[in-house]
Amino acid sequence: MLEQHTLTEADRAEALSFLTAGQLSDLVLTVGFYQLVCNFLNTFEVTTEGEKAPY
């Protein structure tokens, strides 16, 4: 999902074999929000105290 920014039909079917549609929706949104936060932190070079930016 992170590399392709979507799920293939096979991946979606596999996920739905043990998750409800609502749970899969929550998972996709959670992954998306975490990716958004990471992009923001990396763009503005936000680090923890004493940590150097990785680039």
N, C-alpha and C. Protein backbone atom coordinates (compact mmCIF):
# COMPACT_ATOMS: atom_id res chain seq x y z
N MET A 1 0.82 -1.18 0.00
CA MET A 1 0.00 0.00 0.00
C MET A 1 0.87 1.25 0.00
N LEU A 2 1.98 1.21 0.72
CA LEU A 2 2.83 2.40 0.78
C LEU A 2 3.54 2.67 -0.54
N GLU A 3 3.94 1.63 -1.23
CA GLU A 3 4.65 1.81 -2.49
C GLU A 3 3.71 2.16 -3.64
N GLN A 4 2.57 1.50 -3.71
CA GLN A 4 1.65 1.67 -4.83
C GLN A 4 0.54 2.68 -4.55
N HIS A 5 0.39 3.08 -3.30
CA HIS A 5 -0.66 4.01 -2.85
C HIS A 5 -2.06 3.46 -3.12
N THR A 6 -2.16 2.16 -3.19
CA THR A 6 -3.45 1.49 -3.35
C THR A 6 -3.26 0.01 -3.02
N LEU A 7 -4.33 -0.73 -3.04
CA LEU A 7 -4.25 -2.18 -2.89
C LEU A 7 -4.70 -2.82 -4.19
N THR A 8 -4.05 -3.89 -4.56
CA THR A 8 -4.53 -4.65 -5.72
C THR A 8 -5.83 -5.34 -5.32
N GLU A 9 -6.55 -5.83 -6.31
CA GLU A 9 -7.79 -6.55 -6.01
C GLU A 9 -7.51 -7.76 -5.13
N ALA A 10 -6.40 -8.46 -5.40
CA ALA A 10 -6.05 -9.64 -4.61
C ALA A 10 -5.72 -9.25 -3.17
N ASP A 11 -4.96 -8.17 -2.99
CA ASP A 11 -4.62 -7.71 -1.64
C ASP A 11 -5.87 -7.27 -0.88
N ARG A 12 -6.76 -6.55 -1.57
CA ARG A 12 -8.00 -6.09 -0.95
C ARG A 12 -8.86 -7.28 -0.54
N ALA A 13 -8.96 -8.27 -1.41
CA ALA A 13 -9.75 -9.47 -1.10
C ALA A 13 -9.16 -10.22 0.09
N GLU A 14 -7.83 -10.33 0.13
CA GLU A 14 -7.18 -10.99 1.26
C GLU A 14 -7.44 -10.24 2.57
N ALA A 15 -7.30 -8.91 2.52
CA ALA A 15 -7.54 -8.11 3.73
C ALA A 15 -9.00 -8.26 4.18
N LEU A 16 -9.91 -8.27 3.23
CA LEU A 16 -11.34 -8.38 3.58
C LEU A 16 -11.73 -9.78 4.02
N SER A 17 -10.82 -10.74 3.88
CA SER A 17 -11.12 -12.09 4.37
C SER A 17 -11.02 -12.16 5.89
N PHE A 18 -10.33 -11.19 6.50
CA PHE A 18 -10.25 -11.19 7.97
C PHE A 18 -10.55 -9.83 8.59
N LEU A 19 -10.81 -8.81 7.78
CA LEU A 19 -11.23 -7.50 8.28
C LEU A 19 -12.60 -7.17 7.68
N THR A 20 -13.39 -6.41 8.42
CA THR A 20 -14.62 -5.89 7.83
C THR A 20 -14.25 -4.71 6.94
N ALA A 21 -15.19 -4.27 6.13
CA ALA A 21 -14.94 -3.10 5.27
C ALA A 21 -14.61 -1.88 6.13
N GLY A 22 -15.29 -1.73 7.24
CA GLY A 22 -15.03 -0.61 8.15
C GLY A 22 -13.62 -0.67 8.75
N GLN A 23 -13.21 -1.87 9.13
CA GLN A 23 -11.86 -2.03 9.69
C GLN A 23 -10.79 -1.76 8.63
N LEU A 24 -11.02 -2.21 7.41
CA LEU A 24 -10.06 -1.93 6.34
C LEU A 24 -10.01 -0.45 6.06
N SER A 25 -11.15 0.21 6.08
CA SER A 25 -11.19 1.65 5.89
C SER A 25 -10.38 2.35 6.98
N ASP A 26 -10.56 1.96 8.22
CA ASP A 26 -9.79 2.54 9.33
C ASP A 26 -8.29 2.31 9.15
N LEU A 27 -7.91 1.12 8.71
CA LEU A 27 -6.51 0.81 8.49
C LEU A 27 -5.91 1.70 7.40
N VAL A 28 -6.62 1.82 6.28
CA VAL A 28 -6.12 2.64 5.17
C VAL A 28 -5.99 4.10 5.61
N LEU A 29 -6.96 4.63 6.34
CA LEU A 29 -6.89 6.01 6.81
C LEU A 29 -5.76 6.20 7.81
N THR A 30 -5.56 5.24 8.70
CA THR A 30 -4.48 5.33 9.68
C THR A 30 -3.13 5.35 9.00
N VAL A 31 -2.92 4.45 8.05
CA VAL A 31 -1.66 4.42 7.30
C VAL A 31 -1.46 5.75 6.58
N GLY A 32 -2.51 6.25 5.96
CA GLY A 32 -2.42 7.52 5.24
C GLY A 32 -2.07 8.69 6.15
N PHE A 33 -2.68 8.75 7.32
CA PHE A 33 -2.39 9.84 8.25
C PHE A 33 -0.95 9.75 8.77
N TYR A 34 -0.49 8.56 9.06
CA TYR A 34 0.90 8.41 9.49
C TYR A 34 1.86 8.84 8.39
N GLN A 35 1.56 8.51 7.14
CA GLN A 35 2.40 8.92 6.02
C GLN A 35 2.40 10.44 5.90
N LEU A 36 1.25 11.06 6.07
CA LEU A 36 1.13 12.51 6.02
C LEU A 36 2.00 13.16 7.10
N VAL A 37 1.92 12.65 8.31
CA VAL A 37 2.72 13.19 9.41
C VAL A 37 4.22 13.03 9.11
N CYS A 38 4.61 11.89 8.60
CA CYS A 38 6.02 11.67 8.25
C CYS A 38 6.48 12.64 7.18
N ASN A 39 5.67 12.86 6.17
CA ASN A 39 6.02 13.81 5.12
C ASN A 39 6.19 15.22 5.69
N PHE A 40 5.30 15.62 6.58
CA PHE A 40 5.38 16.94 7.20
C PHE A 40 6.66 17.07 8.03
N LEU A 41 6.92 16.08 8.88
CA LEU A 41 8.10 16.13 9.74
C LEU A 41 9.39 16.14 8.92
N ASN A 42 9.44 15.35 7.86
CA ASN A 42 10.63 15.32 7.01
C ASN A 42 10.81 16.63 6.25
N THR A 43 9.72 17.20 5.74
CA THR A 43 9.81 18.44 4.99
C THR A 43 10.36 19.58 5.83
N PHE A 44 9.93 19.65 7.08
CA PHE A 44 10.35 20.74 7.96
C PHE A 44 11.48 20.33 8.90
N GLU A 45 12.09 19.18 8.61
CA GLU A 45 13.25 18.68 9.35
C GLU A 45 13.03 18.69 10.86
N VAL A 46 11.86 18.26 11.27
CA VAL A 46 11.53 18.18 12.69
C VAL A 46 12.21 16.94 13.25
N THR A 47 12.95 17.12 14.33
CA THR A 47 13.64 16.00 14.98
C THR A 47 13.36 16.06 16.47
N THR A 48 13.76 15.00 17.16
CA THR A 48 13.66 15.02 18.60
C THR A 48 14.85 15.78 19.16
N GLU A 49 14.78 16.15 20.39
CA GLU A 49 15.83 16.94 21.02
C GLU A 49 17.17 16.21 20.92
N GLY A 50 18.17 16.89 20.37
CA GLY A 50 19.51 16.33 20.25
C GLY A 50 19.73 15.48 19.01
N GLU A 51 18.69 15.21 18.25
CA GLU A 51 18.81 14.39 17.06
C GLU A 51 19.12 15.27 15.85
N LYS A 52 20.05 14.81 15.00
CA LYS A 52 20.37 15.53 13.79
C LYS A 52 19.44 15.09 12.67
N ALA A 53 19.18 16.00 11.74
CA ALA A 53 18.37 15.65 10.57
C ALA A 53 19.12 14.58 9.78
N PRO A 54 18.43 13.59 9.22
CA PRO A 54 19.09 12.47 8.54
C PRO A 54 19.70 12.84 7.20
N TYR A 55 19.56 14.06 6.73
CA TYR A 55 20.12 14.44 5.44
C TYR A 55 20.94 15.68 5.53
